[in-house]
Amino acid sequence: MATSQRHSRPCLLVLVILGCPGCPDLTFNVGWPSSRGGTCRSAEPRRPGSGRPRRRPRPPMGPVAPAREPTSWSEVLQQMAPEESERGRSLPVAIAVRSWLQRFIIAEGLCPWAEAALTSGALAVVCLLESDEKAVAQRLLQHGQLLQRAKPPGSLGATTLALAPRCHGLQRLKRFHKVCDYLDLNLDETKVQLAPFHPLWRFEGRQLPGEGDVPEGRGEDAANYVNRSPVPAFHFLRVKEVTAAAADHPAATQGGPEAASASVALRNALLLRKRGVQHCKEALKAFVCGVEMLSTRSFFSILFAQYQKRFK
């Protein structure tokens, strides 16, 4: 009986085991004869889900430029506290505070040295991440102690303005004063001093510039707006820099740096009283509304970006 051509040649069954989905380790390289001699092998085994192997990035062409040395205290603090420094530039509350510095403090001449510190980078604005009052107080103390040991580049000086937008308890003036008292108690007053700012600041129990102690129950005084800000803020200054700056003031020729500081405080109080309480209140309210408006705009911007990313 003739054998069909179909079955005249022996059949060769090759079983290749590539692996079991449940057993990722059971992966084999199977070789078969090559026409050029030797043995051809399959690709190297890969773990499930690994995909294609990524190429290593090529090194940049030419010499690599060294990291630029910081030229101001704000750049130094940006390296030491990058997240807080970045928030101090981009958060709506920080933007509003910078606007308050430029359009109120500097524009009204309340601090003769603020403009130079802001433009030169000697003033660093940071926004803390903490929300608890104790944690905020400890972090503020660290910033104050860091300023004590600061070695700013050149002769530009160093000063830090710290904000704590997540700590809502600081909106209450009594709690704010407790944090200030804690800082005054633990900081070296011969090296660093604290200048506090608060939206509800009052000079009650303290001496107002140009007159005696403020009696309890007295009406609003425009001089209170010397230390009023859109949000609670803690300004750390180095004593030796404050003394050196005050020594260059014209009033220091007669009574030294203390006389210069008293002259500036008296001038500010008289100026704001001349402007009137209503004028100061509306000016501060504009910056507070700016914080709220920028915060709302930032919220909707983030929400819209997440919407686009999800449905893209």
C-alpha atoms as a PDB file:
ATOM      1  CA  MET A   1       0.000   0.000   0.000  1.00  0.00           C
ATOM      2  CA  ALA A   2       1.444   3.307  -1.024  1.00  0.00           C
ATOM      3  CA  THR A   3       2.194   5.783   1.610  1.00  0.00           C
ATOM      4  CA  SER A   4       0.879   9.280   1.043  1.00  0.00           C
ATOM      5  CA  GLN A   5       3.420  12.015   0.602  1.00  0.00           C
ATOM      6  CA  ARG A   6       1.901  13.789   3.580  1.00  0.00           C
ATOM      7  CA  HIS A   7       3.047  11.058   5.945  1.00  0.00           C
ATOM      8  CA  SER A   8       6.219  10.069   4.164  1.00  0.00           C
ATOM      9  CA  ARG A   9       8.415  12.350   6.248  1.00  0.00           C
ATOM     10  CA  PRO A  10       8.709  12.026   9.986  1.00  0.00           C
ATOM     11  CA  CYS A  11       6.985  14.713  12.011  1.00  0.00           C
ATOM     12  CA  LEU A  12       9.010  16.721  14.470  1.00  0.00           C
ATOM     13  CA  LEU A  13       7.191  18.162  17.430  1.00  0.00           C
ATOM     14  CA  VAL A  14       9.015  20.957  19.200  1.00  0.00           C
ATOM     15  CA  LEU A  15       7.722  22.013  22.573  1.00  0.00           C
ATOM     16  CA  VAL A  16       8.982  25.328  23.809  1.00  0.00           C
ATOM     17  CA  ILE A  17       8.275  26.241  27.358  1.00  0.00           C
ATOM     18  CA  LEU A  18       8.201  29.991  27.649  1.00  0.00           C
ATOM     19  CA  GLY A  19       6.946  30.147  31.153  1.00  0.00           C
ATOM     20  CA  CYS A  20       3.917  29.925  33.315  1.00  0.00           C
ATOM     21  CA  PRO A  21       2.029  33.131  34.208  1.00  0.00           C
ATOM     22  CA  GLY A  22       1.650  31.947  37.743  1.00  0.00           C
ATOM     23  CA  CYS A  23       5.305  30.932  38.014  1.00  0.00           C
ATOM     24  CA  PRO A  24       7.499  33.814  36.848  1.00  0.00           C
ATOM     25  CA  ASP A  25      10.700  31.879  37.614  1.00  0.00           C
ATOM     26  CA  LEU A  26       9.942  29.111  35.090  1.00  0.00           C
ATOM     27  CA  THR A  27      11.472  30.802  32.059  1.00  0.00           C
ATOM     28  CA  PHE A  28      13.956  28.991  29.842  1.00  0.00           C
ATOM     29  CA  ASN A  29      16.186  29.848  26.917  1.00  0.00           C
ATOM     30  CA  VAL A  30      15.573  27.396  24.118  1.00  0.00           C
ATOM     31  CA  GLY A  31      18.294  26.844  21.501  1.00  0.00           C
ATOM     32  CA  TRP A  32      17.976  25.541  17.994  1.00  0.00           C
ATOM     33  CA  PRO A  33      20.533  24.813  15.274  1.00  0.00           C
ATOM     34  CA  SER A  34      21.604  27.753  13.192  1.00  0.00           C
ATOM     35  CA  SER A  35      22.474  27.649   9.479  1.00  0.00           C
ATOM     36  CA  ARG A  36      25.655  29.588  10.271  1.00  0.00           C
ATOM     37  CA  GLY A  37      26.747  27.171  12.920  1.00  0.00           C
ATOM     38  CA  GLY A  38      26.468  27.423  16.625  1.00  0.00           C
ATOM     39  CA  THR A  39      23.215  27.881  18.462  1.00  0.00           C
ATOM     40  CA  CYS A  40      20.707  30.729  18.332  1.00  0.00           C
ATOM     41  CA  ARG A  41      19.104  31.697  21.578  1.00  0.00           C
ATOM     42  CA  SER A  42      15.998  33.582  22.430  1.00  0.00           C
ATOM     43  CA  ALA A  43      16.126  36.970  24.073  1.00  0.00           C
ATOM     44  CA  GLU A  44      17.165  37.272  27.687  1.00  0.00           C
ATOM     45  CA  PRO A  45      14.370  36.491  30.137  1.00  0.00           C
ATOM     46  CA  ARG A  46      12.507  39.432  31.594  1.00  0.00           C
ATOM     47  CA  ARG A  47      10.334  39.641  34.621  1.00  0.00           C
ATOM     48  CA  PRO A  48       6.601  39.937  33.938  1.00  0.00           C
ATOM     49  CA  GLY A  49       5.531  43.555  33.535  1.00  0.00           C
ATOM     50  CA  SER A  50       9.061  44.842  33.141  1.00  0.00           C
ATOM     51  CA  GLY A  51       8.560  45.884  29.522  1.00  0.00           C
ATOM     52  CA  ARG A  52      11.434  47.045  27.398  1.00  0.00           C
ATOM     53  CA  PRO A  53      14.689  47.771  29.141  1.00  0.00           C
ATOM     54  CA  ARG A  54      15.251  51.505  29.409  1.00  0.00           C
ATOM     55  CA  ARG A  55      18.271  53.062  27.844  1.00  0.00           C
ATOM     56  CA  ARG A  56      20.705  54.772  30.108  1.00  0.00           C
ATOM     57  CA  PRO A  57      20.795  58.542  29.609  1.00  0.00           C
ATOM     58  CA  ARG A  58      23.842  59.727  27.782  1.00  0.00           C
ATOM     59  CA  PRO A  59      26.211  62.013  29.640  1.00  0.00           C
ATOM     60  CA  PRO A  60      26.048  65.654  28.555  1.00  0.00           C
ATOM     61  CA  MET A  61      28.480  66.771  25.897  1.00  0.00           C
ATOM     62  CA  GLY A  62      31.360  68.908  27.021  1.00  0.00           C
ATOM     63  CA  PRO A  63      32.414  69.851  30.552  1.00  0.00           C
ATOM     64  CA  VAL A  64      29.737  69.929  33.239  1.00  0.00           C
ATOM     65  CA  ALA A  65      29.252  73.376  34.758  1.00  0.00           C
ATOM     66  CA  PRO A  66      29.704  73.414  38.551  1.00  0.00           C
ATOM     67  CA  ALA A  67      26.805  74.380  40.808  1.00  0.00           C
ATOM     68  CA  ARG A  68      26.499  78.134  41.140  1.00  0.00           C
ATOM     69  CA  GLU A  69      27.440  79.531  44.496  1.00  0.00           C
ATOM     70  CA  PRO A  70      24.620  81.390  46.297  1.00  0.00           C
ATOM     71  CA  THR A  71      24.924  85.152  46.152  1.00  0.00           C
ATOM     72  CA  SER A  72      22.323  86.124  48.780  1.00  0.00           C
ATOM     73  CA  TRP A  73      20.749  84.841  51.977  1.00  0.00           C
ATOM     74  CA  SER A  74      17.536  83.895  50.150  1.00  0.00           C
ATOM     75  CA  GLU A  75      19.563  81.612  47.857  1.00  0.00           C
ATOM     76  CA  VAL A  76      21.414  80.121  50.824  1.00  0.00           C
ATOM     77  CA  LEU A  77      18.128  79.367  52.576  1.00  0.00           C
ATOM     78  CA  GLN A  78      16.747  77.945  49.342  1.00  0.00           C
ATOM     79  CA  GLN A  79      19.454  75.288  49.472  1.00  0.00           C
ATOM     80  CA  MET A  80      18.955  74.586  53.177  1.00  0.00           C
ATOM     81  CA  ALA A  81      15.128  74.621  53.186  1.00  0.00           C
ATOM     82  CA  PRO A  82      14.100  74.179  49.531  1.00  0.00           C
ATOM     83  CA  GLU A  83      10.436  73.310  50.051  1.00  0.00           C
ATOM     84  CA  GLU A  84       9.737  76.147  52.479  1.00  0.00           C
ATOM     85  CA  SER A  85      11.606  78.596  50.249  1.00  0.00           C
ATOM     86  CA  GLU A  86       9.698  77.475  47.160  1.00  0.00           C
ATOM     87  CA  ARG A  87       6.409  77.914  49.014  1.00  0.00           C
ATOM     88  CA  GLY A  88       7.651  81.340  50.081  1.00  0.00           C
ATOM     89  CA  ARG A  89       7.803  82.329  46.420  1.00  0.00           C
ATOM     90  CA  SER A  90       4.791  80.581  44.914  1.00  0.00           C
ATOM     91  CA  LEU A  91       2.032  80.348  47.535  1.00  0.00           C
ATOM     92  CA  PRO A  92      -0.719  82.982  47.289  1.00  0.00           C
ATOM     93  CA  VAL A  93      -0.198  84.040  50.907  1.00  0.00           C
ATOM     94  CA  ALA A  94       3.502  84.682  50.231  1.00  0.00           C
ATOM     95  CA  ILE A  95       2.723  86.645  47.060  1.00  0.00           C
ATOM     96  CA  ALA A  96       0.277  88.829  48.995  1.00  0.00           C
ATOM     97  CA  VAL A  97       2.807  89.428  51.783  1.00  0.00           C
ATOM     98  CA  ARG A  98       5.448  90.478  49.255  1.00  0.00           C
ATOM     99  CA  SER A  99       2.921  92.869  47.746  1.00  0.00           C
ATOM    100  CA  TRP A 100       2.192  94.272  51.221  1.00  0.00           C
ATOM    101  CA  LEU A 101       5.899  94.817  51.753  1.00  0.00           C
ATOM    102  CA  GLN A 102       6.307  96.692  48.490  1.00  0.00           C
ATOM    103  CA  ARG A 103       3.072  98.684  48.383  1.00  0.00           C
ATOM    104  CA  PHE A 104       2.652  99.520  52.052  1.00  0.00           C
ATOM    105  CA  ILE A 105       5.825  99.113  54.108  1.00  0.00           C
ATOM    106  CA  ILE A 106       8.207 100.375  51.427  1.00  0.00           C
ATOM    107  CA  ALA A 107       5.785 102.778  49.759  1.00  0.00           C
ATOM    108  CA  GLU A 108       4.982 104.499  53.071  1.00  0.00           C
ATOM    109  CA  GLY A 109       8.622 104.425  54.160  1.00  0.00           C
ATOM    110  CA  LEU A 110       7.828 102.552  57.378  1.00  0.00           C
ATOM    111  CA  CYS A 111      11.158 100.723  57.206  1.00  0.00           C
ATOM    112  CA  PRO A 112      14.034 102.632  55.594  1.00  0.00           C
ATOM    113  CA  TRP A 113      15.990  99.400  55.041  1.00  0.00           C
ATOM    114  CA  ALA A 114      13.247  97.109  53.683  1.00  0.00           C
ATOM    115  CA  GLU A 115      13.631  97.952  50.001  1.00  0.00           C
ATOM    116  CA  ALA A 116      17.356  97.209  49.903  1.00  0.00           C
ATOM    117  CA  ALA A 117      16.860  93.907  51.746  1.00  0.00           C
ATOM    118  CA  LEU A 118      14.050  92.827  49.413  1.00  0.00           C
ATOM    119  CA  THR A 119      15.763  93.704  46.132  1.00  0.00           C
ATOM    120  CA  SER A 120      19.172  92.317  47.100  1.00  0.00           C
ATOM    121  CA  GLY A 121      17.861  88.968  48.307  1.00  0.00           C
ATOM    122  CA  ALA A 122      18.940  89.562  51.906  1.00  0.00           C
ATOM    123  CA  LEU A 123      15.289  89.072  52.924  1.00  0.00           C
ATOM    124  CA  ALA A 124      14.164  85.446  52.611  1.00  0.00           C
ATOM    125  CA  VAL A 125      10.450  84.607  52.824  1.00  0.00           C
ATOM    126  CA  VAL A 126       9.574  81.056  53.891  1.00  0.00           C
ATOM    127  CA  CYS A 127       6.243  79.307  54.413  1.00  0.00           C
ATOM    128  CA  LEU A 128       6.246  76.578  57.039  1.00  0.00           C
ATOM    129  CA  LEU A 129       4.577  73.207  56.479  1.00  0.00           C
ATOM    130  CA  GLU A 130       3.524  72.621  60.087  1.00  0.00           C
ATOM    131  CA  SER A 131      -0.061  73.167  61.231  1.00  0.00           C
ATOM    132  CA  ASP A 132       0.263  72.538  64.982  1.00  0.00           C
ATOM    133  CA  GLU A 133       1.201  75.515  67.146  1.00  0.00           C
ATOM    134  CA  LYS A 134       3.905  73.659  69.065  1.00  0.00           C
ATOM    135  CA  ALA A 135       5.438  72.313  65.875  1.00  0.00           C
ATOM    136  CA  VAL A 136       5.307  75.779  64.332  1.00  0.00           C
ATOM    137  CA  ALA A 137       6.996  77.308  67.397  1.00  0.00           C
ATOM    138  CA  GLN A 138       9.795  74.712  67.272  1.00  0.00           C
ATOM    139  CA  ARG A 139      10.319  75.229  63.554  1.00  0.00           C
ATOM    140  CA  LEU A 140      10.391  79.004  64.000  1.00  0.00           C
ATOM    141  CA  LEU A 141      12.991  78.569  66.718  1.00  0.00           C
ATOM    142  CA  GLN A 142      15.104  76.538  64.296  1.00  0.00           C
ATOM    143  CA  HIS A 143      14.905  79.342  61.738  1.00  0.00           C
ATOM    144  CA  GLY A 144      15.910  81.869  64.383  1.00  0.00           C
ATOM    145  CA  GLN A 145      18.851  79.754  65.506  1.00  0.00           C
ATOM    146  CA  LEU A 146      19.847  79.218  61.891  1.00  0.00           C
ATOM    147  CA  LEU A 147      19.936  82.975  61.404  1.00  0.00           C
ATOM    148  CA  GLN A 148      22.177  83.266  64.478  1.00  0.00           C
ATOM    149  CA  ARG A 149      24.762  81.092  62.752  1.00  0.00           C
ATOM    150  CA  ALA A 150      24.188  82.579  59.304  1.00  0.00           C
ATOM    151  CA  LYS A 151      27.122  83.540  57.133  1.00  0.00           C
ATOM    152  CA  PRO A 152      25.509  85.404  54.246  1.00  0.00           C
ATOM    153  CA  PRO A 153      27.585  85.827  51.098  1.00  0.00           C
ATOM    154  CA  GLY A 154      29.228  89.201  50.706  1.00  0.00           C
ATOM    155  CA  SER A 155      28.022  92.049  52.882  1.00  0.00           C
ATOM    156  CA  LEU A 156      24.328  91.969  51.949  1.00  0.00           C
ATOM    157  CA  GLY A 157      23.106  90.757  55.319  1.00  0.00           C
ATOM    158  CA  ALA A 158      20.500  88.159  56.216  1.00  0.00           C
ATOM    159  CA  THR A 159      16.951  88.317  57.551  1.00  0.00           C
ATOM    160  CA  THR A 160      14.080  85.808  57.472  1.00  0.00           C
ATOM    161  CA  LEU A 161      10.338  86.438  57.265  1.00  0.00           C
ATOM    162  CA  ALA A 162       8.498  83.255  58.249  1.00  0.00           C
ATOM    163  CA  LEU A 163       4.804  82.540  57.575  1.00  0.00           C
ATOM    164  CA  ALA A 164       2.698  79.658  58.870  1.00  0.00           C
ATOM    165  CA  PRO A 165      -0.423  79.584  56.668  1.00  0.00           C
ATOM    166  CA  ARG A 166      -1.484  76.113  57.805  1.00  0.00           C
ATOM    167  CA  CYS A 167      -1.590  77.024  61.500  1.00  0.00           C
ATOM    168  CA  HIS A 168      -5.016  78.655  61.820  1.00  0.00           C
ATOM    169  CA  GLY A 169      -4.677  79.015  65.589  1.00  0.00           C
ATOM    170  CA  LEU A 170      -2.207  81.863  65.077  1.00  0.00           C
ATOM    171  CA  GLN A 171      -5.054  84.017  63.798  1.00  0.00           C
ATOM    172  CA  ARG A 172      -5.912  84.542  67.476  1.00  0.00           C
ATOM    173  CA  LEU A 173      -3.728  87.270  68.887  1.00  0.00           C
ATOM    174  CA  LYS A 174      -3.295  85.630  72.312  1.00  0.00           C
ATOM    175  CA  ARG A 175      -1.977  82.409  70.799  1.00  0.00           C
ATOM    176  CA  PHE A 176       0.259  84.423  68.523  1.00  0.00           C
ATOM    177  CA  HIS A 177       1.724  86.226  71.540  1.00  0.00           C
ATOM    178  CA  LYS A 178       2.406  82.901  73.247  1.00  0.00           C
ATOM    179  CA  VAL A 179       4.499  81.762  70.299  1.00  0.00           C
ATOM    180  CA  CYS A 180       6.326  85.104  70.294  1.00  0.00           C
ATOM    181  CA  ASP A 181       7.039  84.804  74.027  1.00  0.00           C
ATOM    182  CA  TYR A 182       8.389  81.287  73.482  1.00  0.00           C
ATOM    183  CA  LEU A 183      10.744  82.553  70.792  1.00  0.00           C
ATOM    184  CA  ASP A 184      11.891  85.532  72.858  1.00  0.00           C
ATOM    185  CA  LEU A 185      12.637  83.184  75.752  1.00  0.00           C
ATOM    186  CA  ASN A 186      14.705  80.706  73.722  1.00  0.00           C
ATOM    187  CA  LEU A 187      16.503  82.940  71.235  1.00  0.00           C
ATOM    188  CA  ASP A 188      19.753  84.686  72.040  1.00  0.00           C
ATOM    189  CA  GLU A 189      18.614  88.300  72.221  1.00  0.00           C
ATOM    190  CA  THR A 190      22.172  89.513  71.721  1.00  0.00           C
ATOM    191  CA  LYS A 191      22.262  87.916  68.250  1.00  0.00           C
ATOM    192  CA  VAL A 192      18.703  87.680  66.912  1.00  0.00           C
ATOM    193  CA  GLN A 193      15.573  89.685  67.614  1.00  0.00           C
ATOM    194  CA  LEU A 194      11.983  89.036  66.592  1.00  0.00           C
ATOM    195  CA  ALA A 195       9.701  91.598  64.967  1.00  0.00           C
ATOM    196  CA  PRO A 196       6.140  90.188  65.049  1.00  0.00           C
ATOM    197  CA  PHE A 197       3.318  91.153  62.644  1.00  0.00           C
ATOM    198  CA  HIS A 198      -0.339  90.233  62.961  1.00  0.00           C
ATOM    199  CA  PRO A 199      -3.637  91.326  61.341  1.00  0.00           C
ATOM    200  CA  LEU A 200      -5.068  92.240  64.785  1.00  0.00           C
ATOM    201  CA  TRP A 201      -1.950  93.663  66.386  1.00  0.00           C
ATOM    202  CA  ARG A 202      -2.473  96.133  69.220  1.00  0.00           C
ATOM    203  CA  PHE A 203       0.044  97.910  71.414  1.00  0.00           C
ATOM    204  CA  GLU A 204      -2.037  97.289  74.552  1.00  0.00           C
ATOM    205  CA  GLY A 205       0.222  96.897  77.545  1.00  0.00           C
ATOM    206  CA  ARG A 206       3.152  98.022  75.437  1.00  0.00           C
ATOM    207  CA  GLN A 207       4.483 101.461  74.744  1.00  0.00           C
ATOM    208  CA  LEU A 208       3.198 103.174  71.640  1.00  0.00           C
ATOM    209  CA  PRO A 209       5.651 105.323  69.691  1.00  0.00           C
ATOM    210  CA  GLY A 210       5.369 108.937  70.771  1.00  0.00           C
ATOM    211  CA  GLU A 211       3.266 108.484  73.880  1.00  0.00           C
ATOM    212  CA  GLY A 212       2.891 106.471  77.072  1.00  0.00           C
ATOM    213  CA  ASP A 213       1.234 103.154  77.719  1.00  0.00           C
ATOM    214  CA  VAL A 214      -2.039 102.583  75.931  1.00  0.00           C
ATOM    215  CA  PRO A 215      -4.914 102.453  78.437  1.00  0.00           C
ATOM    216  CA  GLU A 216      -7.313  99.545  78.320  1.00  0.00           C
ATOM    217  CA  GLY A 217     -10.486 100.128  76.334  1.00  0.00           C
ATOM    218  CA  ARG A 218      -9.024 102.884  74.208  1.00  0.00           C
ATOM    219  CA  GLY A 219     -10.356 103.268  70.684  1.00  0.00           C
ATOM    220  CA  GLU A 220      -8.501 102.194  67.587  1.00  0.00           C
ATOM    221  CA  ASP A 221      -5.156 103.865  66.979  1.00  0.00           C
ATOM    222  CA  ALA A 222      -3.731 104.066  63.468  1.00  0.00           C
ATOM    223  CA  ALA A 223      -0.243 103.493  64.929  1.00  0.00           C
ATOM    224  CA  ASN A 224      -1.242  99.871  65.500  1.00  0.00           C
ATOM    225  CA  TYR A 225      -0.992  99.354  61.733  1.00  0.00           C
ATOM    226  CA  VAL A 226       2.777  99.700  61.994  1.00  0.00           C
ATOM    227  CA  ASN A 227       2.796  96.038  63.066  1.00  0.00           C
ATOM    228  CA  ARG A 228      -0.300  94.836  61.242  1.00  0.00           C
ATOM    229  CA  SER A 229       0.071  92.495  58.304  1.00  0.00           C
ATOM    230  CA  PRO A 230      -2.319  90.500  56.056  1.00  0.00           C
ATOM    231  CA  VAL A 231      -1.376  87.246  57.835  1.00  0.00           C
ATOM    232  CA  PRO A 232       0.606  86.383  60.984  1.00  0.00           C
ATOM    233  CA  ALA A 233       4.309  86.769  60.280  1.00  0.00           C
ATOM    234  CA  PHE A 234       7.535  86.370  62.217  1.00  0.00           C
ATOM    235  CA  HIS A 235      10.442  88.547  61.146  1.00  0.00           C
ATOM    236  CA  PHE A 236      13.862  87.458  62.415  1.00  0.00           C
ATOM    237  CA  LEU A 237      16.651  90.049  62.295  1.00  0.00           C
ATOM    238  CA  ARG A 238      20.294  89.887  63.264  1.00  0.00           C
ATOM    239  CA  VAL A 239      21.082  92.355  66.030  1.00  0.00           C
ATOM    240  CA  LYS A 240      24.460  93.403  64.676  1.00  0.00           C
ATOM    241  CA  GLU A 241      22.945  94.266  61.296  1.00  0.00           C
ATOM    242  CA  VAL A 242      20.099  96.241  62.891  1.00  0.00           C
ATOM    243  CA  THR A 243      22.608  98.146  65.022  1.00  0.00           C
ATOM    244  CA  ALA A 244      24.833  98.869  62.023  1.00  0.00           C
ATOM    245  CA  ALA A 245      21.882 100.040  59.911  1.00  0.00           C
ATOM    246  CA  ALA A 246      20.553 102.268  62.698  1.00  0.00           C
ATOM    247  CA  ALA A 247      24.009 103.781  63.189  1.00  0.00           C
ATOM    248  CA  ASP A 248      23.840 105.195  59.658  1.00  0.00           C
ATOM    249  CA  HIS A 249      20.534 106.978  60.390  1.00  0.00           C
ATOM    250  CA  PRO A 250      20.771 110.776  60.846  1.00  0.00           C
ATOM    251  CA  ALA A 251      19.223 110.566  64.325  1.00  0.00           C
ATOM    252  CA  ALA A 252      22.030 108.264  65.473  1.00  0.00           C
ATOM    253  CA  THR A 253      24.541 111.117  65.504  1.00  0.00           C
ATOM    254  CA  GLN A 254      23.053 112.435  68.750  1.00  0.00           C
ATOM    255  CA  GLY A 255      21.715 109.432  70.633  1.00  0.00           C
ATOM    256  CA  GLY A 256      23.165 106.372  68.892  1.00  0.00           C
ATOM    257  CA  PRO A 257      21.254 103.441  67.331  1.00  0.00           C
ATOM    258  CA  GLU A 258      18.559 103.530  70.037  1.00  0.00           C
ATOM    259  CA  ALA A 259      17.722 107.114  69.171  1.00  0.00           C
ATOM    260  CA  ALA A 260      17.546 106.204  65.486  1.00  0.00           C
ATOM    261  CA  SER A 261      15.107 103.352  66.161  1.00  0.00           C
ATOM    262  CA  ALA A 262      12.950 105.608  68.349  1.00  0.00           C
ATOM    263  CA  SER A 263      12.970 108.290  65.642  1.00  0.00           C
ATOM    264  CA  VAL A 264      11.796 105.832  62.987  1.00  0.00           C
ATOM    265  CA  ALA A 265       9.047 104.489  65.271  1.00  0.00           C
ATOM    266  CA  LEU A 266       7.820 107.995  66.089  1.00  0.00           C
ATOM    267  CA  ARG A 267       7.820 109.016  62.449  1.00  0.00           C
ATOM    268  CA  ASN A 268       5.787 105.921  61.488  1.00  0.00           C
ATOM    269  CA  ALA A 269       3.209 106.492  64.232  1.00  0.00           C
ATOM    270  CA  LEU A 270       2.718 110.141  63.313  1.00  0.00           C
ATOM    271  CA  LEU A 271       2.465 109.303  59.601  1.00  0.00           C
ATOM    272  CA  LEU A 272      -0.179 106.615  60.039  1.00  0.00           C
ATOM    273  CA  ARG A 273      -2.174 108.776  62.446  1.00  0.00           C
ATOM    274  CA  LYS A 274      -2.134 111.462  59.799  1.00  0.00           C
ATOM    275  CA  ARG A 275      -3.372 108.958  57.221  1.00  0.00           C
ATOM    276  CA  GLY A 276      -6.177 107.956  59.568  1.00  0.00           C
ATOM    277  CA  VAL A 277      -7.580 104.670  60.812  1.00  0.00           C
ATOM    278  CA  GLN A 278      -9.961 104.279  57.878  1.00  0.00           C
ATOM    279  CA  HIS A 279      -7.197 104.653  55.322  1.00  0.00           C
ATOM    280  CA  CYS A 280      -4.993 102.088  57.065  1.00  0.00           C
ATOM    281  CA  LYS A 281      -7.895  99.689  57.533  1.00  0.00           C
ATOM    282  CA  GLU A 282      -8.856  99.793  53.857  1.00  0.00           C
ATOM    283  CA  ALA A 283      -5.244  99.342  52.780  1.00  0.00           C
ATOM    284  CA  LEU A 284      -4.794  96.271  54.960  1.00  0.00           C
ATOM    285  CA  LYS A 285      -8.169  94.890  53.891  1.00  0.00           C
ATOM    286  CA  ALA A 286      -7.106  95.087  50.257  1.00  0.00           C
ATOM    287  CA  PHE A 287      -4.109  92.862  50.954  1.00  0.00           C
ATOM    288  CA  VAL A 288      -6.203  90.428  53.001  1.00  0.00           C
ATOM    289  CA  CYS A 289      -8.701  90.210  50.135  1.00  0.00           C
ATOM    290  CA  GLY A 290      -5.745  89.659  47.833  1.00  0.00           C
ATOM    291  CA  VAL A 291      -4.744  86.620  49.869  1.00  0.00           C
ATOM    292  CA  GLU A 292      -8.259  85.194  49.644  1.00  0.00           C
ATOM    293  CA  MET A 293      -8.567  85.943  45.921  1.00  0.00           C
ATOM    294  CA  LEU A 294      -5.200  84.423  45.078  1.00  0.00           C
ATOM    295  CA  SER A 295      -5.979  81.380  47.223  1.00  0.00           C
ATOM    296  CA  THR A 296      -9.317  80.866  45.441  1.00  0.00           C
ATOM    297  CA  ARG A 297      -7.699  81.314  42.035  1.00  0.00           C
ATOM    298  CA  SER A 298      -4.961  78.849  42.981  1.00  0.00           C
ATOM    299  CA  PHE A 299      -7.557  76.327  44.174  1.00  0.00           C
ATOM    300  CA  PHE A 300      -9.538  76.450  40.926  1.00  0.00           C
ATOM    301  CA  SER A 301      -6.337  76.330  38.871  1.00  0.00           C
ATOM    302  CA  ILE A 302      -5.276  73.134  40.634  1.00  0.00           C
ATOM    303  CA  LEU A 303      -8.780  71.690  40.272  1.00  0.00           C
ATOM    304  CA  PHE A 304      -8.868  72.471  36.546  1.00  0.00           C
ATOM    305  CA  ALA A 305      -5.400  70.989  36.024  1.00  0.00           C
ATOM    306  CA  GLN A 306      -6.472  67.754  37.725  1.00  0.00           C
ATOM    307  CA  TYR A 307      -9.616  67.684  35.566  1.00  0.00           C
ATOM    308  CA  GLN A 308      -7.569  68.046  32.376  1.00  0.00           C
ATOM    309  CA  LYS A 309      -5.110  65.384  33.475  1.00  0.00           C
ATOM    310  CA  ARG A 310      -7.869  62.919  34.264  1.00  0.00           C
ATOM    311  CA  PHE A 311      -9.913  63.328  31.079  1.00  0.00           C
ATOM    312  CA  LYS A 312      -7.087  64.000  28.659  1.00  0.00           C
END
